Amino acid sequence: MAPTVKEPPQKFDFTVETLIVGAGACGLIAALSAMEAGQEVLVIEADAVPSGSTALSAGLIPAAGTKIQQAAGIKDSTALFAADIQAKAHQENNQALVDLLAQNAAEVIDWLTQTHGLAFSLVDDFDYPGHSSRRMHGLPTRAGSELIDALRSAAERAGIDIICGRRAETLYFAGGLVHGVAALRPDGGIETIGCDRLILACNGFGGNRALVSEHMPDIENGLWFGHDGNRGEAVLWASQIGAATEHLGAFQGHGNVAHPHGILITWATITEGGVQVNAAGERFWNEAQGYSEAARAVLSQAQGVAYAIFD
């Protein structure tokens, strides 16, 4: 069912101060922050358990100036972090947003480590493309599934309610304000949830091929290697209510997905001297640019296929 916008009902089944749609890393961190700000918080999640794109990732978070970096003797700064982001993005990003991210990331890592007990450590054996310092922070297994499980546990310890199997399908909007959502239960029933504040941590749309084609046509024929639950409800609602959106053409690509196996070949095989060639056996680009850039370079080759060669 396509997401819709409706007038709010006379009465909601229940109400909450802050409602968060999506129990990935963004949603759960937002929930922990809102709880600490004194809010009554509810998180709803479409899947049977929190997982999403976070669980499919390596669960690594870049941050400059963390206590973990300082303990390792690594010198870094938020200004250098911001400059690295802009250089990688060819200066196309909104500088204010880049600065906001760069200046707050370290505080988030320190807070999750010290307040909520997440065992972050620094990735100290691999230099990520585009980063001038070693600033990738991850949990021991370097797996996104561990990150999402740790965040869920932290939320549960904080007394935050997470209700799974609830897919938000309707946004209640009137008078220029969001009033709540209607969520579909696994049994087909509908629950209406009113709220004072709504955080949509569900704005991925890689699982909606029409939106991918509309907003990022240069990657529309790429192999989708994300969570199919990302259908872009937040983007579609924003369009319907006239909310502002930005950078919808941005994506995280990876030009080293083994097909048909559906697994990532670590980019370390390239940074340690591997190369990519096309079906004619020719190197076709400068692989040192990074794995995101590789996605478009690979898709531009015959059949959209490249071979990673390494010893």
C-alpha atoms as a PDB file:
ATOM      1  CA  MET A   1       0.000   0.000   0.000  1.00  0.00           C
ATOM      2  CA  ALA A   2       1.366   3.430  -0.949  1.00  0.00           C
ATOM      3  CA  PRO A   3       1.923   5.837   1.958  1.00  0.00           C
ATOM      4  CA  THR A   4      -0.875   8.390   2.301  1.00  0.00           C
ATOM      5  CA  VAL A   5      -1.569  11.667   4.119  1.00  0.00           C
ATOM      6  CA  LYS A   6      -4.898  12.190   5.877  1.00  0.00           C
ATOM      7  CA  GLU A   7      -6.673  14.449   8.329  1.00  0.00           C
ATOM      8  CA  PRO A   8      -6.154  13.239  11.909  1.00  0.00           C
ATOM      9  CA  PRO A   9      -8.890  11.108  13.477  1.00  0.00           C
ATOM     10  CA  GLN A  10     -11.113  12.408  16.273  1.00  0.00           C
ATOM     11  CA  LYS A  11      -9.275  10.138  18.710  1.00  0.00           C
ATOM     12  CA  PHE A  12      -6.046   8.153  18.479  1.00  0.00           C
ATOM     13  CA  ASP A  13      -5.688   4.625  19.825  1.00  0.00           C
ATOM     14  CA  PHE A  14      -2.874   6.041  21.984  1.00  0.00           C
ATOM     15  CA  THR A  15      -0.547   9.034  22.073  1.00  0.00           C
ATOM     16  CA  VAL A  16       3.098   9.659  22.936  1.00  0.00           C
ATOM     17  CA  GLU A  17       5.317  12.726  23.206  1.00  0.00           C
ATOM     18  CA  THR A  18       7.999  11.599  20.717  1.00  0.00           C
ATOM     19  CA  LEU A  19       7.271   8.938  18.103  1.00  0.00           C
ATOM     20  CA  ILE A  20      10.126   7.517  16.059  1.00  0.00           C
ATOM     21  CA  VAL A  21       9.474   5.500  12.898  1.00  0.00           C
ATOM     22  CA  GLY A  22      12.355   3.126  12.208  1.00  0.00           C
ATOM     23  CA  ALA A  23      14.519   1.176  14.664  1.00  0.00           C
ATOM     24  CA  GLY A  24      17.811   1.319  12.810  1.00  0.00           C
ATOM     25  CA  ALA A  25      20.874   3.045  14.224  1.00  0.00           C
ATOM     26  CA  CYS A  26      19.487   6.536  13.545  1.00  0.00           C
ATOM     27  CA  GLY A  27      16.128   5.802  15.117  1.00  0.00           C
ATOM     28  CA  LEU A  28      17.509   4.130  18.230  1.00  0.00           C
ATOM     29  CA  ILE A  29      20.136   6.809  18.853  1.00  0.00           C
ATOM     30  CA  ALA A  30      17.419   9.450  18.450  1.00  0.00           C
ATOM     31  CA  ALA A  31      15.293   7.519  20.945  1.00  0.00           C
ATOM     32  CA  LEU A  32      18.090   7.418  23.525  1.00  0.00           C
ATOM     33  CA  SER A  33      18.684  11.153  23.095  1.00  0.00           C
ATOM     34  CA  ALA A  34      14.979  12.010  23.344  1.00  0.00           C
ATOM     35  CA  MET A  35      14.622   9.888  26.482  1.00  0.00           C
ATOM     36  CA  GLU A  36      17.541  11.707  28.109  1.00  0.00           C
ATOM     37  CA  ALA A  37      15.849  15.009  27.207  1.00  0.00           C
ATOM     38  CA  GLY A  38      12.882  13.920  29.324  1.00  0.00           C
ATOM     39  CA  GLN A  39      10.577  12.794  26.541  1.00  0.00           C
ATOM     40  CA  GLU A  40       8.162   9.877  26.613  1.00  0.00           C
ATOM     41  CA  VAL A  41       9.403   7.883  23.608  1.00  0.00           C
ATOM     42  CA  LEU A  42       7.968   5.166  21.395  1.00  0.00           C
ATOM     43  CA  VAL A  43       9.770   3.512  18.474  1.00  0.00           C
ATOM     44  CA  ILE A  44       7.858   1.534  15.852  1.00  0.00           C
ATOM     45  CA  GLU A  45       9.601  -0.794  13.415  1.00  0.00           C
ATOM     46  CA  ALA A  46       8.248  -2.604  10.362  1.00  0.00           C
ATOM     47  CA  ASP A  47      10.485  -5.679  10.731  1.00  0.00           C
ATOM     48  CA  ALA A  48       9.977  -8.460  13.252  1.00  0.00           C
ATOM     49  CA  VAL A  49      13.194  -7.345  14.987  1.00  0.00           C
ATOM     50  CA  PRO A  50      15.300  -4.183  14.539  1.00  0.00           C
ATOM     51  CA  SER A  51      17.816  -4.731  11.750  1.00  0.00           C
ATOM     52  CA  GLY A  52      17.441  -2.683   8.569  1.00  0.00           C
ATOM     53  CA  SER A  53      20.351  -1.314   6.603  1.00  0.00           C
ATOM     54  CA  THR A  54      22.360  -0.951   9.806  1.00  0.00           C
ATOM     55  CA  ALA A  55      22.559  -4.731  10.204  1.00  0.00           C
ATOM     56  CA  LEU A  56      23.788  -5.089   6.615  1.00  0.00           C
ATOM     57  CA  SER A  57      26.606  -2.591   7.111  1.00  0.00           C
ATOM     58  CA  ALA A  58      29.965  -2.868   8.854  1.00  0.00           C
ATOM     59  CA  GLY A  59      28.531  -0.720  11.645  1.00  0.00           C
ATOM     60  CA  LEU A  60      31.406   1.778  11.491  1.00  0.00           C
ATOM     61  CA  ILE A  61      30.969   5.430  12.467  1.00  0.00           C
ATOM     62  CA  PRO A  62      33.526   8.105  11.536  1.00  0.00           C
ATOM     63  CA  ALA A  63      34.177  10.775  14.160  1.00  0.00           C
ATOM     64  CA  ALA A  64      36.988  13.252  14.783  1.00  0.00           C
ATOM     65  CA  GLY A  65      38.317  14.124  18.241  1.00  0.00           C
ATOM     66  CA  THR A  66      36.918  11.212  20.249  1.00  0.00           C
ATOM     67  CA  LYS A  67      38.439  10.097  23.530  1.00  0.00           C
ATOM     68  CA  ILE A  68      39.245   6.808  21.801  1.00  0.00           C
ATOM     69  CA  GLN A  69      41.295   8.638  19.182  1.00  0.00           C
ATOM     70  CA  GLN A  70      43.041  10.690  21.839  1.00  0.00           C
ATOM     71  CA  ALA A  71      43.968   7.557  23.802  1.00  0.00           C
ATOM     72  CA  ALA A  72      45.471   6.092  20.630  1.00  0.00           C
ATOM     73  CA  GLY A  73      47.564   9.228  20.081  1.00  0.00           C
ATOM     74  CA  ILE A  74      45.785  10.151  16.849  1.00  0.00           C
ATOM     75  CA  LYS A  75      45.558  13.839  16.069  1.00  0.00           C
ATOM     76  CA  ASP A  76      42.397  14.833  14.271  1.00  0.00           C
ATOM     77  CA  SER A  77      40.015  17.767  14.132  1.00  0.00           C
ATOM     78  CA  THR A  78      36.444  18.505  13.171  1.00  0.00           C
ATOM     79  CA  ALA A  79      37.698  20.980  10.555  1.00  0.00           C
ATOM     80  CA  LEU A  80      39.827  18.280   8.897  1.00  0.00           C
ATOM     81  CA  PHE A  81      36.901  15.837   9.044  1.00  0.00           C
ATOM     82  CA  ALA A  82      34.605  18.388   7.383  1.00  0.00           C
ATOM     83  CA  ALA A  83      37.204  19.152   4.723  1.00  0.00           C
ATOM     84  CA  ASP A  84      37.586  15.438   3.950  1.00  0.00           C
ATOM     85  CA  ILE A  85      33.816  15.058   3.542  1.00  0.00           C
ATOM     86  CA  GLN A  86      33.616  17.998   1.156  1.00  0.00           C
ATOM     87  CA  ALA A  87      36.625  16.847  -0.854  1.00  0.00           C
ATOM     88  CA  LYS A  88      35.117  13.375  -1.305  1.00  0.00           C
ATOM     89  CA  ALA A  89      31.790  14.943  -2.343  1.00  0.00           C
ATOM     90  CA  HIS A  90      33.454  17.411  -4.753  1.00  0.00           C
ATOM     91  CA  GLN A  91      32.299  20.356  -2.600  1.00  0.00           C
ATOM     92  CA  GLU A  92      28.653  19.601  -3.429  1.00  0.00           C
ATOM     93  CA  ASN A  93      27.379  19.313   0.146  1.00  0.00           C
ATOM     94  CA  ASN A  94      25.709  21.978   2.264  1.00  0.00           C
ATOM     95  CA  GLN A  95      28.600  23.271   4.403  1.00  0.00           C
ATOM     96  CA  ALA A  96      26.358  23.902   7.416  1.00  0.00           C
ATOM     97  CA  LEU A  97      25.181  20.281   7.406  1.00  0.00           C
ATOM     98  CA  VAL A  98      28.727  18.995   6.996  1.00  0.00           C
ATOM     99  CA  ASP A  99      29.922  21.113   9.914  1.00  0.00           C
ATOM    100  CA  LEU A 100      27.000  19.979  12.056  1.00  0.00           C
ATOM    101  CA  LEU A 101      27.909  16.342  11.449  1.00  0.00           C
ATOM    102  CA  ALA A 102      31.646  16.794  11.888  1.00  0.00           C
ATOM    103  CA  GLN A 103      31.320  18.842  15.073  1.00  0.00           C
ATOM    104  CA  ASN A 104      28.910  16.477  16.834  1.00  0.00           C
ATOM    105  CA  ALA A 105      30.036  12.986  15.826  1.00  0.00           C
ATOM    106  CA  ALA A 106      32.734  12.660  18.498  1.00  0.00           C
ATOM    107  CA  GLU A 107      30.327  13.603  21.274  1.00  0.00           C
ATOM    108  CA  VAL A 108      27.932  10.875  20.100  1.00  0.00           C
ATOM    109  CA  ILE A 109      30.648   8.195  20.129  1.00  0.00           C
ATOM    110  CA  ASP A 110      31.866   9.263  23.592  1.00  0.00           C
ATOM    111  CA  TRP A 111      28.264   9.330  24.885  1.00  0.00           C
ATOM    112  CA  LEU A 112      27.411   5.886  23.502  1.00  0.00           C
ATOM    113  CA  THR A 113      30.633   4.500  24.982  1.00  0.00           C
ATOM    114  CA  GLN A 114      30.537   6.103  28.418  1.00  0.00           C
ATOM    115  CA  THR A 115      26.800   6.408  29.095  1.00  0.00           C
ATOM    116  CA  HIS A 116      25.424   3.376  27.282  1.00  0.00           C
ATOM    117  CA  GLY A 117      28.356   0.967  27.425  1.00  0.00           C
ATOM    118  CA  LEU A 118      28.909   0.356  23.697  1.00  0.00           C
ATOM    119  CA  ALA A 119      32.412  -1.054  23.298  1.00  0.00           C
ATOM    120  CA  PHE A 120      33.644   1.121  20.435  1.00  0.00           C
ATOM    121  CA  SER A 121      37.265   0.914  19.355  1.00  0.00           C
ATOM    122  CA  LEU A 122      39.233   2.464  16.541  1.00  0.00           C
ATOM    123  CA  VAL A 123      39.849   0.708  13.227  1.00  0.00           C
ATOM    124  CA  ASP A 124      43.643   1.035  13.291  1.00  0.00           C
ATOM    125  CA  ASP A 125      44.708  -1.357  10.527  1.00  0.00           C
ATOM    126  CA  PHE A 126      43.004   0.141   7.469  1.00  0.00           C
ATOM    127  CA  ASP A 127      42.951   3.623   5.957  1.00  0.00           C
ATOM    128  CA  TYR A 128      39.511   4.360   4.567  1.00  0.00           C
ATOM    129  CA  PRO A 129      39.436   6.182   1.208  1.00  0.00           C
ATOM    130  CA  GLY A 130      39.038   9.915   1.635  1.00  0.00           C
ATOM    131  CA  HIS A 131      39.878  10.075   5.351  1.00  0.00           C
ATOM    132  CA  SER A 132      43.050  11.904   6.371  1.00  0.00           C
ATOM    133  CA  SER A 133      43.052  10.306   9.830  1.00  0.00           C
ATOM    134  CA  ARG A 134      42.006   6.997  11.307  1.00  0.00           C
ATOM    135  CA  ARG A 135      38.603   7.920  12.651  1.00  0.00           C
ATOM    136  CA  MET A 136      36.396   4.889  11.986  1.00  0.00           C
ATOM    137  CA  HIS A 137      34.864   3.574  15.216  1.00  0.00           C
ATOM    138  CA  GLY A 138      33.269   0.149  15.464  1.00  0.00           C
ATOM    139  CA  LEU A 139      32.262  -2.567  17.890  1.00  0.00           C
ATOM    140  CA  PRO A 140      34.487  -5.666  18.354  1.00  0.00           C
ATOM    141  CA  THR A 141      33.097  -7.769  15.488  1.00  0.00           C
ATOM    142  CA  ARG A 142      33.033  -4.779  13.076  1.00  0.00           C
ATOM    143  CA  ALA A 143      29.521  -5.853  12.112  1.00  0.00           C
ATOM    144  CA  GLY A 144      26.392  -3.770  11.811  1.00  0.00           C
ATOM    145  CA  SER A 145      24.346  -6.566  13.364  1.00  0.00           C
ATOM    146  CA  GLU A 146      26.341  -6.136  16.591  1.00  0.00           C
ATOM    147  CA  LEU A 147      25.757  -2.369  16.512  1.00  0.00           C
ATOM    148  CA  ILE A 148      21.991  -2.659  16.097  1.00  0.00           C
ATOM    149  CA  ASP A 149      21.761  -5.302  18.831  1.00  0.00           C
ATOM    150  CA  ALA A 150      23.820  -3.141  21.203  1.00  0.00           C
ATOM    151  CA  LEU A 151      21.649  -0.088  20.526  1.00  0.00           C
ATOM    152  CA  ARG A 152      18.474  -2.089  21.016  1.00  0.00           C
ATOM    153  CA  SER A 153      19.789  -3.382  24.341  1.00  0.00           C
ATOM    154  CA  ALA A 154      20.693   0.164  25.412  1.00  0.00           C
ATOM    155  CA  ALA A 155      17.192   1.348  24.504  1.00  0.00           C
ATOM    156  CA  GLU A 156      15.598  -1.482  26.441  1.00  0.00           C
ATOM    157  CA  ARG A 157      17.768  -0.713  29.496  1.00  0.00           C
ATOM    158  CA  ALA A 158      16.616   2.899  29.253  1.00  0.00           C
ATOM    159  CA  GLY A 159      12.986   1.767  29.316  1.00  0.00           C
ATOM    160  CA  ILE A 160      12.219   2.787  25.743  1.00  0.00           C
ATOM    161  CA  ASP A 161       9.349   0.897  24.140  1.00  0.00           C
ATOM    162  CA  ILE A 162      10.133  -0.595  20.723  1.00  0.00           C
ATOM    163  CA  ILE A 163       7.136  -2.125  18.958  1.00  0.00           C
ATOM    164  CA  CYS A 164       8.053  -4.273  15.966  1.00  0.00           C
ATOM    165  CA  GLY A 165       5.846  -5.495  13.157  1.00  0.00           C
ATOM    166  CA  ARG A 166       4.305  -2.029  12.741  1.00  0.00           C
ATOM    167  CA  ARG A 167       4.680  -0.398   9.337  1.00  0.00           C
ATOM    168  CA  ALA A 168       3.680   3.277   9.249  1.00  0.00           C
ATOM    169  CA  GLU A 169       1.410   3.772   6.237  1.00  0.00           C
ATOM    170  CA  THR A 170      -0.502   6.993   6.872  1.00  0.00           C
ATOM    171  CA  LEU A 171       0.718  10.371   8.076  1.00  0.00           C
ATOM    172  CA  TYR A 172      -1.878  12.480   9.881  1.00  0.00           C
ATOM    173  CA  PHE A 173      -1.345  16.107   8.920  1.00  0.00           C
ATOM    174  CA  ALA A 174      -3.483  19.228   9.351  1.00  0.00           C
ATOM    175  CA  GLY A 175      -2.970  22.918   9.951  1.00  0.00           C
ATOM    176  CA  GLY A 176       0.655  22.702   8.946  1.00  0.00           C
ATOM    177  CA  LEU A 177       1.378  20.203  11.734  1.00  0.00           C
ATOM    178  CA  VAL A 178       1.997  16.475  11.926  1.00  0.00           C
ATOM    179  CA  HIS A 179      -0.382  14.853  14.423  1.00  0.00           C
ATOM    180  CA  GLY A 180       0.603  11.192  14.219  1.00  0.00           C
ATOM    181  CA  VAL A 181       0.607   8.083  12.044  1.00  0.00           C
ATOM    182  CA  ALA A 182      -1.402   4.978  11.305  1.00  0.00           C
ATOM    183  CA  ALA A 183       0.565   1.726  11.409  1.00  0.00           C
ATOM    184  CA  LEU A 184      -0.266  -1.638   9.863  1.00  0.00           C
ATOM    185  CA  ARG A 185      -0.053  -4.665  12.180  1.00  0.00           C
ATOM    186  CA  PRO A 186       0.979  -8.155  10.998  1.00  0.00           C
ATOM    187  CA  ASP A 187      -2.654  -9.304  11.380  1.00  0.00           C
ATOM    188  CA  GLY A 188      -3.816  -6.599   8.971  1.00  0.00           C
ATOM    189  CA  GLY A 189      -5.244  -4.352  11.664  1.00  0.00           C
ATOM    190  CA  ILE A 190      -4.493  -0.641  11.906  1.00  0.00           C
ATOM    191  CA  GLU A 191      -3.278   1.267  14.958  1.00  0.00           C
ATOM    192  CA  THR A 192      -3.429   5.076  15.119  1.00  0.00           C
ATOM    193  CA  ILE A 193      -0.680   6.753  17.142  1.00  0.00           C
ATOM    194  CA  GLY A 194      -0.776  10.423  18.032  1.00  0.00           C
ATOM    195  CA  CYS A 195       2.390  12.342  18.878  1.00  0.00           C
ATOM    196  CA  ASP A 196       3.749  15.776  19.755  1.00  0.00           C
ATOM    197  CA  ARG A 197       6.952  15.142  17.801  1.00  0.00           C
ATOM    198  CA  LEU A 198       7.604  12.742  14.947  1.00  0.00           C
ATOM    199  CA  ILE A 199      11.051  11.571  13.833  1.00  0.00           C
ATOM    200  CA  LEU A 200      11.103   9.684  10.542  1.00  0.00           C
ATOM    201  CA  ALA A 201      14.214   7.497  10.679  1.00  0.00           C
ATOM    202  CA  CYS A 202      12.978   5.542   7.658  1.00  0.00           C
ATOM    203  CA  ASN A 203      13.901   7.731   4.727  1.00  0.00           C
ATOM    204  CA  GLY A 204      15.962   5.216   2.749  1.00  0.00           C
ATOM    205  CA  PHE A 205      14.342   4.409  -0.585  1.00  0.00           C
ATOM    206  CA  GLY A 206      16.652   1.894  -2.242  1.00  0.00           C
ATOM    207  CA  GLY A 207      13.854  -0.679  -2.097  1.00  0.00           C
ATOM    208  CA  ASN A 208      11.615   1.587  -4.197  1.00  0.00           C
ATOM    209  CA  ARG A 209      12.970   1.318  -7.732  1.00  0.00           C
ATOM    210  CA  ALA A 210      10.728   4.109  -9.032  1.00  0.00           C
ATOM    211  CA  LEU A 211      12.219   6.572  -6.534  1.00  0.00           C
ATOM    212  CA  VAL A 212      15.736   5.361  -7.327  1.00  0.00           C
ATOM    213  CA  SER A 213      15.106   5.944 -11.021  1.00  0.00           C
ATOM    214  CA  GLU A 214      13.683   9.412 -10.318  1.00  0.00           C
ATOM    215  CA  HIS A 215      16.356  10.706  -7.959  1.00  0.00           C
ATOM    216  CA  MET A 216      19.509   8.796  -8.929  1.00  0.00           C
ATOM    217  CA  PRO A 217      19.213   7.640 -12.548  1.00  0.00           C
ATOM    218  CA  ASP A 218      22.966   7.060 -12.858  1.00  0.00           C
ATOM    219  CA  ILE A 219      22.693   4.167 -10.392  1.00  0.00           C
ATOM    220  CA  GLU A 220      19.215   2.843 -11.296  1.00  0.00           C
ATOM    221  CA  ASN A 221      20.621  -0.286 -12.935  1.00  0.00           C
ATOM    222  CA  GLY A 222      22.883  -1.086 -10.022  1.00  0.00           C
ATOM    223  CA  LEU A 223      22.567  -4.234  -7.935  1.00  0.00           C
ATOM    224  CA  TRP A 224      20.441  -3.347  -4.887  1.00  0.00           C
ATOM    225  CA  PHE A 225      22.426  -4.487  -1.873  1.00  0.00           C
ATOM    226  CA  GLY A 226      20.348  -3.012   0.928  1.00  0.00           C
ATOM    227  CA  HIS A 227      17.244  -3.648   2.983  1.00  0.00           C
ATOM    228  CA  ASP A 228      14.059  -4.070   0.931  1.00  0.00           C
ATOM    229  CA  GLY A 229      12.039  -2.453   3.705  1.00  0.00           C
ATOM    230  CA  ASN A 230      13.512   0.906   2.665  1.00  0.00           C
ATOM    231  CA  ARG A 231      10.636   2.034   0.465  1.00  0.00           C
ATOM    232  CA  GLY A 232      10.881   5.802   0.897  1.00  0.00           C
ATOM    233  CA  GLU A 233       7.746   6.558   2.908  1.00  0.00           C
ATOM    234  CA  ALA A 234       9.351   9.639   4.446  1.00  0.00           C
ATOM    235  CA  VAL A 235      10.316  11.017   1.028  1.00  0.00           C
ATOM    236  CA  LEU A 236       6.833  10.416  -0.358  1.00  0.00           C
ATOM    237  CA  TRP A 237       5.148  12.004   2.676  1.00  0.00           C
ATOM    238  CA  ALA A 238       7.441  15.022   2.402  1.00  0.00           C
ATOM    239  CA  SER A 239       6.353  15.475  -1.193  1.00  0.00           C
ATOM    240  CA  GLN A 240       2.688  15.232  -0.245  1.00  0.00           C
ATOM    241  CA  ILE A 241       2.831  17.812   2.566  1.00  0.00           C
ATOM    242  CA  GLY A 242       5.265  20.194   0.863  1.00  0.00           C
ATOM    243  CA  ALA A 243       8.158  19.586   3.252  1.00  0.00           C
ATOM    244  CA  ALA A 244      11.663  20.476   2.154  1.00  0.00           C
ATOM    245  CA  THR A 245      14.048  17.739   1.044  1.00  0.00           C
ATOM    246  CA  GLU A 246      17.701  17.881   0.101  1.00  0.00           C
ATOM    247  CA  HIS A 247      20.379  15.678  -1.465  1.00  0.00           C
ATOM    248  CA  LEU A 248      17.985  12.925  -2.546  1.00  0.00           C
ATOM    249  CA  GLY A 249      20.481  11.951  -5.229  1.00  0.00           C
ATOM    250  CA  ALA A 250      23.079  10.903  -2.644  1.00  0.00           C
ATOM    251  CA  PHE A 251      23.749   7.211  -2.175  1.00  0.00           C
ATOM    252  CA  GLN A 252      26.232   4.788  -0.678  1.00  0.00           C
ATOM    253  CA  GLY A 253      27.577   2.741  -3.537  1.00  0.00           C
ATOM    254  CA  HIS A 254      29.989  -0.160  -3.462  1.00  0.00           C
ATOM    255  CA  GLY A 255      31.814  -1.247  -6.603  1.00  0.00           C
ATOM    256  CA  ASN A 256      33.007  -4.590  -5.220  1.00  0.00           C
ATOM    257  CA  VAL A 257      29.884  -6.728  -4.681  1.00  0.00           C
ATOM    258  CA  ALA A 258      30.428 -10.338  -5.747  1.00  0.00           C
ATOM    259  CA  HIS A 259      27.633 -11.568  -8.004  1.00  0.00           C
ATOM    260  CA  PRO A 260      25.684 -13.823  -7.757  1.00  0.00           C
ATOM    261  CA  HIS A 261      27.001 -14.534  -4.265  1.00  0.00           C
ATOM    262  CA  GLY A 262      25.630 -11.275  -2.835  1.00  0.00           C
ATOM    263  CA  ILE A 263      28.641 -10.584  -0.627  1.00  0.00           C
ATOM    264  CA  LEU A 264      31.053  -7.681  -0.393  1.00  0.00           C
ATOM    265  CA  ILE A 265      34.662  -8.174  -1.402  1.00  0.00           C
ATOM    266  CA  THR A 266      36.450  -5.976   1.109  1.00  0.00           C
ATOM    267  CA  TRP A 267      37.961  -2.882  -0.495  1.00  0.00           C
ATOM    268  CA  ALA A 268      41.181  -3.720   1.352  1.00  0.00           C
ATOM    269  CA  THR A 269      41.904  -6.080  -1.565  1.00  0.00           C
ATOM    270  CA  ILE A 270      42.138  -2.968  -3.748  1.00  0.00           C
ATOM    271  CA  THR A 271      43.937  -0.653  -1.323  1.00  0.00           C
ATOM    272  CA  GLU A 272      46.570  -3.352  -0.782  1.00  0.00           C
ATOM    273  CA  GLY A 273      47.329  -3.510  -4.502  1.00  0.00           C
ATOM    274  CA  GLY A 274      44.394  -5.187  -6.230  1.00  0.00           C
ATOM    275  CA  VAL A 275      42.981  -3.827  -9.482  1.00  0.00           C
ATOM    276  CA  GLN A 276      39.679  -3.917 -11.336  1.00  0.00           C
ATOM    277  CA  VAL A 277      39.413  -4.829 -14.998  1.00  0.00           C
ATOM    278  CA  ASN A 278      36.429  -5.010 -17.333  1.00  0.00           C
ATOM    279  CA  ALA A 279      35.295  -7.910 -19.496  1.00  0.00           C
ATOM    280  CA  ALA A 280      38.018  -7.025 -22.038  1.00  0.00           C
ATOM    281  CA  GLY A 281      40.689  -7.343 -19.342  1.00  0.00           C
ATOM    282  CA  GLU A 282      41.358  -3.584 -19.280  1.00  0.00           C
ATOM    283  CA  ARG A 283      41.764  -1.375 -16.239  1.00  0.00           C
ATOM    284  CA  PHE A 284      39.194   1.363 -16.707  1.00  0.00           C
ATOM    285  CA  TRP A 285      39.585   3.852 -13.847  1.00  0.00           C
ATOM    286  CA  ASN A 286      41.692   4.973 -10.888  1.00  0.00           C
ATOM    287  CA  GLU A 287      40.662   2.556  -8.136  1.00  0.00           C
ATOM    288  CA  ALA A 288      42.289   4.709  -5.428  1.00  0.00           C
ATOM    289  CA  GLN A 289      39.256   7.017  -5.497  1.00  0.00           C
ATOM    290  CA  GLY A 290      37.243   4.627  -3.323  1.00  0.00           C
ATOM    291  CA  TYR A 291      34.504   2.027  -3.385  1.00  0.00           C
ATOM    292  CA  SER A 292      31.554   4.431  -3.657  1.00  0.00           C
ATOM    293  CA  GLU A 293      32.997   5.969  -6.807  1.00  0.00           C
ATOM    294  CA  ALA A 294      33.642   2.431  -8.086  1.00  0.00           C
ATOM    295  CA  ALA A 295      29.925   1.700  -8.315  1.00  0.00           C
ATOM    296  CA  ARG A 296      29.304   4.105 -11.186  1.00  0.00           C
ATOM    297  CA  ALA A 297      32.620   3.244 -12.849  1.00  0.00           C
ATOM    298  CA  VAL A 298      31.770  -0.464 -12.845  1.00  0.00           C
ATOM    299  CA  LEU A 299      28.209   0.095 -14.083  1.00  0.00           C
ATOM    300  CA  SER A 300      29.550   2.076 -17.034  1.00  0.00           C
ATOM    301  CA  GLN A 301      31.383  -1.032 -18.308  1.00  0.00           C
ATOM    302  CA  ALA A 302      29.913  -3.732 -20.564  1.00  0.00           C
ATOM    303  CA  GLN A 303      27.211  -5.680 -18.698  1.00  0.00           C
ATOM    304  CA  GLY A 304      27.974  -3.518 -15.650  1.00  0.00           C
ATOM    305  CA  VAL A 305      30.573  -6.083 -14.610  1.00  0.00           C
ATOM    306  CA  ALA A 306      34.177  -5.812 -13.416  1.00  0.00           C
ATOM    307  CA  TYR A 307      36.659  -8.346 -12.118  1.00  0.00           C
ATOM    308  CA  ALA A 308      38.698  -7.745  -8.957  1.00  0.00           C
ATOM    309  CA  ILE A 309      42.207  -9.124  -9.415  1.00  0.00           C
ATOM    310  CA  PHE A 310      44.494  -9.506  -6.417  1.00  0.00           C
ATOM    311  CA  ASP A 311      47.232 -11.752  -5.115  1.00  0.00           C
END
